[in-house]
Protein backbone atom coordinates (compact mmCIF):
# COMPACT_ATOMS: atom_id res chain seq x y z
CA MET A 1 -51.46 62.98 13.79
CA THR A 2 -52.27 64.21 10.61
CA GLU A 3 -50.00 65.73 7.71
CA SER A 4 -50.07 69.26 6.79
CA PRO A 5 -50.00 70.84 3.75
CA LEU A 6 -46.70 72.48 4.51
CA ASP A 7 -45.45 68.82 5.71
CA ARG A 8 -46.09 67.78 2.40
CA ILE A 9 -44.10 71.24 0.72
CA TYR A 10 -40.94 69.75 3.20
CA ALA A 11 -41.37 66.29 2.11
CA ALA A 12 -41.29 67.19 -1.69
CA GLU A 13 -38.26 69.57 -1.59
CA LYS A 14 -36.38 67.26 0.41
CA ALA A 15 -36.69 64.16 -2.24
CA GLN A 16 -35.70 67.26 -5.05
CA ALA A 17 -32.80 68.08 -3.38
CA TYR A 18 -31.77 64.52 -2.55
CA ASP A 19 -32.88 63.31 -6.26
CA ARG A 20 -30.40 66.03 -7.84
CA ARG A 21 -27.97 65.72 -5.71
CA ILE A 22 -26.96 61.90 -6.68
CA ARG A 23 -27.79 62.43 -10.14
CA ASP A 24 -24.79 65.25 -10.10
CA ALA A 25 -22.56 63.26 -8.21
CA ILE A 26 -22.86 59.81 -9.76
CA PRO A 27 -21.63 59.64 -13.55
CA GLY A 28 -24.84 57.92 -15.91
CA TYR A 29 -26.80 58.30 -13.05
CA GLU A 30 -29.84 59.23 -16.12
CA ALA A 31 -28.95 56.80 -18.28
CA LEU A 32 -28.67 54.21 -15.57
CA HIS A 33 -32.08 54.12 -14.59
CA GLN A 34 -33.54 54.61 -18.15
CA LEU A 35 -31.37 51.34 -19.54
CA SER A 36 -32.57 49.82 -16.16
CA CYS A 37 -36.08 50.31 -17.05
CA MET A 38 -35.09 49.15 -20.70
CA VAL A 39 -33.70 45.68 -19.31
CA ILE A 40 -36.89 45.61 -17.15
CA ALA A 41 -39.92 46.13 -19.75
CA GLU A 42 -37.21 43.70 -22.07
CA THR A 43 -37.62 40.43 -19.80
CA THR A 44 -40.66 40.93 -18.22
CA GLY A 45 -42.51 42.35 -21.77
CA GLY A 46 -43.80 45.17 -19.83
CA HIS A 47 -46.13 42.58 -17.81
CA GLY A 48 -46.06 41.39 -14.01
CA ARG A 49 -44.43 41.97 -10.82
CA VAL A 50 -40.57 43.98 -9.80
CA LEU A 51 -39.45 44.18 -6.72
CA VAL A 52 -37.13 47.32 -6.22
CA ALA A 53 -35.14 46.35 -3.32
CA GLY A 54 -33.39 49.71 -1.98
CA ALA A 55 -36.55 52.13 -3.13
CA GLY A 56 -35.34 55.22 -1.51
CA SER A 57 -36.56 58.41 -2.45
CA GLY A 58 -38.95 56.31 -5.35
CA ALA A 59 -37.47 57.89 -8.25
CA GLU A 60 -36.68 54.44 -9.50
CA CYS A 61 -39.96 53.11 -8.70
CA VAL A 62 -41.89 56.16 -10.23
CA ALA A 63 -39.42 55.21 -13.62
CA LEU A 64 -40.88 51.83 -13.77
CA GLY A 65 -44.21 52.51 -13.15
CA GLN A 66 -43.65 54.88 -15.84
CA ALA A 67 -41.63 52.97 -18.87
CA CYS A 68 -44.23 49.96 -18.39
CA PRO A 69 -47.82 51.04 -17.54
CA ALA A 70 -48.99 47.22 -16.98
CA LEU A 71 -46.42 46.31 -14.46
CA HIS A 72 -46.78 46.33 -11.03
CA VAL A 73 -44.22 47.63 -8.47
CA VAL A 74 -43.30 47.03 -4.84
CA GLY A 75 -41.01 48.86 -3.43
CA VAL A 76 -38.67 47.99 -0.07
CA ASP A 77 -36.20 50.19 2.18
CA PRO A 78 -36.22 50.11 6.04
CA ALA A 79 -35.16 54.06 5.55
CA GLY A 80 -38.66 55.20 6.90
CA ASP A 81 -37.87 59.01 6.19
CA MET A 82 -36.76 57.90 2.66
CA LEU A 83 -39.90 56.11 2.26
CA LYS A 84 -41.99 58.76 3.35
CA LEU A 85 -40.75 60.91 0.21
CA ALA A 86 -41.20 57.95 -1.92
CA GLU A 87 -44.77 57.61 -1.24
CA HIS A 88 -45.47 61.40 -1.77
CA LYS A 89 -43.46 60.73 -5.11
CA VAL A 90 -46.23 57.49 -6.50
CA ALA A 91 -48.87 59.92 -5.33
CA GLU A 92 -47.82 62.54 -7.40
CA HIS A 93 -47.30 60.71 -10.62
CA CYS A 94 -50.40 58.92 -9.74
CA LEU A 95 -48.98 55.63 -9.38
CA THR A 96 -50.55 54.28 -6.11
CA GLU A 97 -52.51 51.37 -7.40
CA ARG A 98 -49.50 49.58 -8.85
CA VAL A 99 -47.08 50.58 -6.58
CA ARG A 100 -46.70 49.58 -3.32
CA LEU A 101 -44.25 50.56 -0.71
CA TYR A 102 -42.85 48.40 2.68
CA PRO A 103 -40.94 50.21 4.97
CA CYS A 104 -38.52 46.70 5.92
CA ALA A 105 -35.32 44.91 4.67
CA VAL A 106 -35.72 42.43 1.88
CA SER A 107 -35.58 39.66 4.35
CA ALA A 108 -38.91 40.96 6.38
CA LEU A 109 -41.43 41.61 3.83
CA PRO A 110 -44.30 39.63 3.79
CA THR A 111 -44.30 36.37 1.27
CA PHE A 112 -46.14 36.89 -1.74
CA GLU A 113 -46.10 34.76 -5.09
CA PRO A 114 -42.31 34.85 -6.43
CA PHE A 115 -41.93 38.38 -8.56
CA ASP A 116 -40.82 38.19 -12.31
CA ALA A 117 -37.96 40.57 -12.08
CA ALA A 118 -36.24 42.74 -9.34
CA THR A 119 -34.01 45.33 -9.00
CA LEU A 120 -30.63 46.42 -6.87
CA LEU A 121 -29.78 49.90 -7.97
CA LEU A 122 -26.48 51.51 -6.05
CA VAL A 123 -27.69 50.00 -2.30
CA LEU A 124 -25.12 46.48 -2.45
CA HIS A 125 -22.33 48.40 -1.87
CA PHE A 126 -23.28 49.84 1.51
CA LEU A 127 -23.41 46.36 2.76
CA ALA A 128 -20.12 44.93 4.09
CA ASP A 129 -18.63 41.80 2.41
CA ASP A 130 -19.08 40.01 5.25
CA GLY A 131 -22.00 37.84 4.81
CA ALA A 132 -24.34 40.56 4.56
CA LYS A 133 -24.00 40.98 0.57
CA LEU A 134 -24.34 37.56 0.60
CA ASP A 135 -27.91 37.51 2.99
CA LEU A 136 -29.42 40.50 0.65
CA LEU A 137 -28.87 38.71 -2.75
CA GLY A 138 -30.17 35.71 -1.56
CA ASP A 139 -33.49 37.69 0.18
CA ILE A 140 -34.17 39.02 -3.25
CA ALA A 141 -33.17 35.00 -4.58
CA ARG A 142 -35.91 33.87 -2.31
CA HIS A 143 -38.36 36.53 -3.59
CA LEU A 144 -37.59 35.51 -7.82
CA LYS A 145 -39.29 32.85 -10.01
CA PRO A 146 -36.68 30.73 -11.92
CA GLY A 147 -35.17 32.48 -14.64
CA ALA A 148 -36.25 35.67 -13.16
CA PRO A 149 -33.87 38.51 -13.94
CA LEU A 150 -32.28 41.05 -10.77
CA VAL A 151 -31.09 44.30 -12.44
CA LEU A 152 -28.13 45.53 -10.35
CA ALA A 153 -25.98 48.22 -10.57
CA ASP A 154 -22.70 49.14 -8.01
CA LEU A 155 -19.40 51.03 -7.40
CA PHE A 156 -17.04 48.18 -7.98
CA GLY A 157 -13.58 47.68 -7.83
CA PRO A 158 -10.81 48.12 -6.48
CA GLY A 159 -10.15 46.15 -9.92
CA TRP A 160 -7.09 48.12 -10.82
CA ASP A 161 -3.73 49.25 -9.83
CA ASP A 162 -3.45 52.65 -7.80
CA SER A 163 -2.93 55.06 -10.36
CA TRP A 164 -5.51 54.11 -12.61
CA GLN A 165 -8.14 53.86 -9.63
CA SER A 166 -6.27 57.69 -8.39
CA GLN A 167 -7.39 58.59 -11.85
CA LEU A 168 -10.49 57.36 -11.89
CA ARG A 169 -11.12 59.04 -8.37
CA LEU A 170 -9.90 62.70 -10.43
CA TYR A 171 -12.41 62.05 -13.49
CA TRP A 172 -14.88 61.81 -10.96
CA ARG A 173 -14.18 64.91 -9.11
CA HIS A 174 -13.97 66.71 -12.41
CA LEU A 175 -17.36 65.44 -13.34
CA GLN A 176 -19.15 66.57 -9.73
CA LYS A 177 -17.19 70.29 -10.40
CA ALA A 178 -18.98 70.40 -13.95
CA ALA A 179 -22.38 69.65 -12.56
CA GLY A 180 -21.57 72.36 -9.96
CA ILE A 181 -20.93 70.73 -6.75
CA GLY A 182 -18.66 72.76 -4.87
CA ALA A 183 -15.27 71.44 -3.62
CA ASP A 184 -16.33 70.88 0.30
CA ALA A 185 -19.15 68.56 -1.03
CA ILE A 186 -17.36 66.91 -2.88
CA ASP A 187 -14.23 66.16 -0.57
CA LYS A 188 -17.25 64.86 2.12
CA GLY A 189 -18.55 62.92 -0.50
CA PHE A 190 -15.03 61.23 -1.08
CA SER A 191 -14.87 60.84 2.53
CA HIS A 192 -18.27 58.92 2.39
CA VAL A 193 -17.15 56.81 0.04
CA ASP A 194 -13.72 55.79 1.69
CA ARG A 195 -15.90 55.35 5.22
CA ASP A 196 -19.19 53.80 4.44
CA ILE A 197 -18.94 52.14 0.60
CA HIS A 198 -17.73 48.64 0.78
CA PRO A 199 -16.74 47.83 -2.93
CA VAL A 200 -16.08 44.67 -4.58
CA THR A 201 -14.49 43.50 -7.81
CA GLU A 202 -16.10 42.22 -10.70
CA GLU A 203 -15.30 38.79 -9.99
CA ARG A 204 -15.69 38.64 -6.62
CA LEU A 205 -19.47 40.00 -7.70
CA GLY A 206 -20.16 36.93 -9.92
CA GLN A 207 -19.05 34.59 -6.64
CA LEU A 208 -21.55 36.43 -4.39
CA LEU A 209 -24.75 36.02 -7.60
CA ASP A 210 -23.01 32.23 -8.46
CA GLN A 211 -23.90 31.35 -4.35
CA ALA A 212 -26.92 33.36 -3.75
CA GLY A 213 -28.99 31.42 -6.75
CA PHE A 214 -28.25 33.64 -9.62
CA GLU A 215 -26.36 32.56 -13.05
CA PRO A 216 -23.18 34.31 -14.47
CA PRO A 217 -24.15 38.19 -14.30
CA ARG A 218 -23.80 40.28 -17.69
CA PRO A 219 -22.65 43.79 -18.42
CA PHE A 220 -25.28 46.20 -19.27
CA PHE A 221 -23.70 49.80 -18.06
CA ARG A 222 -20.41 51.38 -17.14
CA ALA A 223 -19.17 54.92 -16.03
CA LEU A 224 -16.13 55.37 -14.46
CA CYS A 225 -16.30 52.49 -11.20
CA PHE A 226 -20.26 52.35 -11.53
CA GLY A 227 -21.49 48.85 -13.24
CA GLY A 228 -25.03 47.46 -14.06
CA TRP A 229 -25.21 43.55 -14.73
CA VAL A 230 -28.05 41.64 -15.35
CA ALA A 231 -28.21 38.22 -13.15
CA ARG A 232 -30.74 35.73 -13.62
CA ARG A 233 -32.26 33.35 -11.09
CA ARG A 234 -31.42 29.41 -11.59
C-alpha cells in the first residue's frame, strides 16, 4: 500500500514526541550522544562502518552520519514500528546513501565485512542478566574487527546503599520535573524502570564484556545512575 503524506506527517510527529520525551527524561541525554559521536570519530578517524545496535527512532544514526561525513552506518532494531520512524528521519536528513536500517536483532543481521566500531546506547538494561545480556554482547563482538571499539551506555547499579539509591532517584525526579514532565508521567516512568529495567553493577558489566570477548571497559560518561563506557574487541 502506498504511503500517504498524512502517514509521513504522523510518523514524523510520533518520532519527534518520542525523541523529546527521552531527552527530557534521561539525564545528560544530549551530552551522551555528543560524546558517543566524538568517541566514534576519534577511534575510527571518521571513516569506515559502524553498527548501531538498537537504532530506535534513528536519532543516533543521524547524529553519527552528520558528525562523520565519510562514515557508513548500519542500524538494527527488532521493533519495526520504531525503525519506520528511523527511515523517515534518515531520509529527511539526506543520509539514505550512508545509513542502512535492518528490522532485526543483531543475531539475525546478514554477514558483512566486520565493522570498525559499534554502539549500544541505552539498550542493554532492557535485557535480564540470564544470558540475554551476554548473548547480545557476543553477537555484537562477532560483527567487529579485532580492536574495534564498542561504545556502550546504560542505566547501571545497584552499586550503592539503599539510602543513596533513593537520593539518586530523588535527584532524577527533580530533573524530570524541571524539564516539564508531569508528576503522573514521572511516576509511570519510575514504575517502568522498576518493572522492565535490569541494571547490573559496573563490575558485573565488565565481567559480561570480558566473557563476550571485549577488553575491560573504560568510562567516558556519568549522569546520576547512567553511565557510558568504551570497550575494545579483543
